[in-house]
Amino acid sequence: MAGAGLVGLTSMAGSLCWFTASMLQTVALFYGVGQIELFSVLIGPLVFKERISAKAYAGIGLLMTSIVTLIITT
């Protein structure tokens, strides 16, 4: 039960942050930044000891490059 409550609270906080970001910035910018999901990518290897393939690293690199480009150009 405690785990489900924590999931609910963090989900609520995430939704609040998305809503606030959509009011403060253009949709393309905050949605693009949200696509990186950096914390999700880090949790797999650090917490669950998963291995990330070279293809996945390449994809992450391309995604990060596009998001940095998006941020710099706006």
N, C-alpha and C. Protein backbone atom coordinates (compact mmCIF):
# COMPACT_ATOMS: atom_id res chain seq x y z
N MET A 1 0.82 -1.20 0.00
CA MET A 1 0.00 0.00 0.00
C MET A 1 0.86 1.25 0.00
N ALA A 2 1.95 1.25 0.76
CA ALA A 2 2.80 2.43 0.83
C ALA A 2 3.43 2.72 -0.53
N GLY A 3 3.82 1.68 -1.26
CA GLY A 3 4.42 1.87 -2.58
C GLY A 3 3.44 2.49 -3.56
N ALA A 4 2.19 2.05 -3.50
CA ALA A 4 1.18 2.59 -4.41
C ALA A 4 0.91 4.06 -4.09
N GLY A 5 0.94 4.40 -2.81
CA GLY A 5 0.74 5.80 -2.43
C GLY A 5 1.87 6.68 -2.93
N LEU A 6 3.10 6.17 -2.87
CA LEU A 6 4.25 6.93 -3.36
C LEU A 6 4.18 7.11 -4.87
N VAL A 7 3.78 6.07 -5.56
CA VAL A 7 3.60 6.18 -7.01
C VAL A 7 2.55 7.23 -7.35
N GLY A 8 1.45 7.22 -6.61
CA GLY A 8 0.39 8.20 -6.83
C GLY A 8 0.86 9.63 -6.58
N LEU A 9 1.63 9.83 -5.50
CA LEU A 9 2.13 11.18 -5.19
C LEU A 9 3.12 11.67 -6.24
N THR A 10 4.03 10.80 -6.67
CA THR A 10 5.00 11.24 -7.68
C THR A 10 4.32 11.46 -9.03
N SER A 11 3.31 10.68 -9.34
CA SER A 11 2.56 10.89 -10.57
C SER A 11 1.82 12.22 -10.53
N MET A 12 1.24 12.53 -9.39
CA MET A 12 0.54 13.81 -9.23
C MET A 12 1.52 14.97 -9.37
N ALA A 13 2.69 14.85 -8.76
CA ALA A 13 3.70 15.90 -8.85
C ALA A 13 4.16 16.08 -10.30
N GLY A 14 4.34 14.98 -11.00
CA GLY A 14 4.74 15.06 -12.41
C GLY A 14 3.70 15.75 -13.26
N SER A 15 2.44 15.42 -13.04
CA SER A 15 1.35 16.06 -13.79
C SER A 15 1.28 17.55 -13.50
N LEU A 16 1.49 17.90 -12.24
CA LEU A 16 1.50 19.31 -11.87
C LEU A 16 2.63 20.06 -12.56
N CYS A 17 3.79 19.43 -12.63
CA CYS A 17 4.93 20.06 -13.31
C CYS A 17 4.66 20.22 -14.81
N TRP A 18 4.07 19.20 -15.45
CA TRP A 18 3.74 19.30 -16.87
C TRP A 18 2.74 20.43 -17.11
N PHE A 19 1.73 20.51 -16.27
CA PHE A 19 0.72 21.55 -16.42
C PHE A 19 1.33 22.94 -16.24
N THR A 20 2.17 23.10 -15.24
CA THR A 20 2.82 24.38 -15.00
C THR A 20 3.73 24.75 -16.17
N ALA A 21 4.50 23.80 -16.66
CA ALA A 21 5.40 24.06 -17.78
C ALA A 21 4.62 24.48 -19.03
N SER A 22 3.48 23.85 -19.25
CA SER A 22 2.69 24.20 -20.44
C SER A 22 2.14 25.62 -20.35
N MET A 23 1.96 26.13 -19.16
CA MET A 23 1.48 27.50 -18.99
C MET A 23 2.60 28.52 -19.09
N LEU A 24 3.83 28.10 -18.80
CA LEU A 24 4.95 29.04 -18.75
C LEU A 24 5.77 29.09 -20.04
N GLN A 25 5.68 28.09 -20.87
CA GLN A 25 6.54 28.00 -22.05
C GLN A 25 5.74 27.47 -23.24
N THR A 26 6.29 27.64 -24.43
CA THR A 26 5.63 27.09 -25.61
C THR A 26 5.61 25.57 -25.52
N VAL A 27 4.59 24.98 -26.08
CA VAL A 27 4.40 23.54 -25.96
C VAL A 27 5.57 22.77 -26.58
N ALA A 28 6.06 23.19 -27.71
CA ALA A 28 7.13 22.46 -28.39
C ALA A 28 8.37 22.36 -27.52
N LEU A 29 8.70 23.42 -26.81
CA LEU A 29 9.91 23.41 -26.00
C LEU A 29 9.78 22.47 -24.80
N PHE A 30 8.75 22.61 -24.01
CA PHE A 30 8.68 21.77 -22.81
C PHE A 30 8.37 20.32 -23.16
N TYR A 31 7.64 20.08 -24.24
CA TYR A 31 7.37 18.70 -24.64
C TYR A 31 8.64 18.04 -25.16
N GLY A 32 9.43 18.80 -25.91
CA GLY A 32 10.70 18.26 -26.42
C GLY A 32 11.64 17.90 -25.29
N VAL A 33 11.74 18.75 -24.30
CA VAL A 33 12.60 18.46 -23.16
C VAL A 33 12.06 17.26 -22.38
N GLY A 34 10.75 17.15 -22.28
CA GLY A 34 10.15 16.04 -21.55
C GLY A 34 10.39 14.69 -22.22
N GLN A 35 10.68 14.69 -23.50
CA GLN A 35 10.89 13.43 -24.22
C GLN A 35 12.15 12.70 -23.80
N ILE A 36 13.08 13.41 -23.21
CA ILE A 36 14.35 12.76 -22.88
C ILE A 36 14.20 11.71 -21.78
N GLU A 37 13.32 11.96 -20.83
CA GLU A 37 13.07 11.00 -19.76
C GLU A 37 14.38 10.48 -19.18
N LEU A 38 15.26 11.41 -18.85
CA LEU A 38 16.59 11.05 -18.38
C LEU A 38 16.55 10.17 -17.13
N PHE A 39 15.68 10.49 -16.21
CA PHE A 39 15.63 9.71 -14.98
C PHE A 39 15.23 8.28 -15.24
N SER A 40 14.32 8.07 -16.17
CA SER A 40 13.91 6.71 -16.52
C SER A 40 15.06 5.93 -17.14
N VAL A 41 15.85 6.60 -17.93
CA VAL A 41 16.98 5.94 -18.58
C VAL A 41 18.04 5.57 -17.55
N LEU A 42 18.22 6.41 -16.54
CA LEU A 42 19.24 6.14 -15.53
C LEU A 42 18.80 5.09 -14.51
N ILE A 43 17.52 4.99 -14.25
CA ILE A 43 17.04 4.06 -13.24
C ILE A 43 17.31 2.62 -13.64
N GLY A 44 17.13 2.28 -14.91
CA GLY A 44 17.35 0.91 -15.36
C GLY A 44 18.72 0.37 -15.01
N PRO A 45 19.79 1.01 -15.46
CA PRO A 45 21.13 0.50 -15.15
C PRO A 45 21.52 0.66 -13.68
N LEU A 46 21.15 1.76 -13.07
CA LEU A 46 21.60 2.01 -11.70
C LEU A 46 20.84 1.19 -10.66
N VAL A 47 19.55 1.09 -10.81
CA VAL A 47 18.75 0.40 -9.80
C VAL A 47 18.55 -1.07 -10.15
N PHE A 48 18.19 -1.34 -11.40
CA PHE A 48 17.85 -2.71 -11.78
C PHE A 48 18.99 -3.46 -12.46
N LYS A 49 20.15 -2.83 -12.56
CA LYS A 49 21.36 -3.46 -13.14
C LYS A 49 21.13 -3.94 -14.58
N GLU A 50 20.32 -3.19 -15.34
CA GLU A 50 20.09 -3.53 -16.74
C GLU A 50 21.26 -3.04 -17.60
N ARG A 51 21.45 -3.68 -18.73
CA ARG A 51 22.49 -3.25 -19.66
C ARG A 51 21.84 -2.45 -20.78
N ILE A 52 22.51 -1.37 -21.18
CA ILE A 52 22.02 -0.54 -22.28
C ILE A 52 22.89 -0.85 -23.49
N SER A 53 22.24 -1.12 -24.63
CA SER A 53 22.97 -1.48 -25.84
C SER A 53 23.59 -0.25 -26.49
N ALA A 54 24.53 -0.49 -27.40
CA ALA A 54 25.17 0.60 -28.13
C ALA A 54 24.13 1.37 -28.95
N LYS A 55 23.15 0.66 -29.50
CA LYS A 55 22.07 1.32 -30.25
C LYS A 55 21.29 2.27 -29.37
N ALA A 56 21.01 1.84 -28.15
CA ALA A 56 20.27 2.69 -27.22
C ALA A 56 21.09 3.92 -26.85
N TYR A 57 22.39 3.75 -26.62
CA TYR A 57 23.24 4.91 -26.33
C TYR A 57 23.26 5.89 -27.51
N ALA A 58 23.31 5.37 -28.73
CA ALA A 58 23.28 6.23 -29.91
C ALA A 58 21.97 7.00 -29.98
N GLY A 59 20.87 6.31 -29.71
CA GLY A 59 19.56 6.97 -29.71
C GLY A 59 19.46 8.05 -28.65
N ILE A 60 19.98 7.76 -27.47
CA ILE A 60 19.97 8.74 -26.38
C ILE A 60 20.80 9.95 -26.77
N GLY A 61 21.94 9.71 -27.39
CA GLY A 61 22.79 10.82 -27.84
C GLY A 61 22.11 11.69 -28.87
N LEU A 62 21.46 11.07 -29.85
CA LEU A 62 20.74 11.84 -30.86
C LEU A 62 19.60 12.65 -30.26
N LEU A 63 18.89 12.04 -29.34
CA LEU A 63 17.78 12.72 -28.68
C LEU A 63 18.28 13.91 -27.85
N MET A 64 19.36 13.71 -27.11
CA MET A 64 19.90 14.80 -26.31
C MET A 64 20.40 15.93 -27.20
N THR A 65 21.04 15.59 -28.31
CA THR A 65 21.50 16.61 -29.24
C THR A 65 20.34 17.42 -29.80
N SER A 66 19.26 16.75 -30.17
CA SER A 66 18.11 17.47 -30.71
C SER A 66 17.45 18.36 -29.66
N ILE A 67 17.41 17.92 -28.43
CA ILE A 67 16.79 18.73 -27.37
C ILE A 67 17.67 19.94 -27.05
N VAL A 68 18.98 19.74 -26.98
CA VAL A 68 19.87 20.89 -26.74
C VAL A 68 19.75 21.90 -27.88
N THR A 69 19.67 21.41 -29.10
CA THR A 69 19.49 22.29 -30.25
C THR A 69 18.17 23.05 -30.15
N LEU A 70 17.12 22.38 -29.75
CA LEU A 70 15.83 23.02 -29.57
C LEU A 70 15.89 24.12 -28.52
N ILE A 71 16.55 23.85 -27.41
CA ILE A 71 16.66 24.83 -26.34
C ILE A 71 17.50 26.02 -26.78
N ILE A 72 18.59 25.78 -27.47
CA ILE A 72 19.48 26.88 -27.89
C ILE A 72 18.80 27.78 -28.92
N THR A 73 18.01 27.20 -29.80
CA THR A 73 17.43 27.98 -30.88
C THR A 73 16.17 28.74 -30.49
N THR A 74 15.63 28.48 -29.32
CA THR A 74 14.42 29.20 -28.93
C THR A 74 14.71 30.32 -27.96
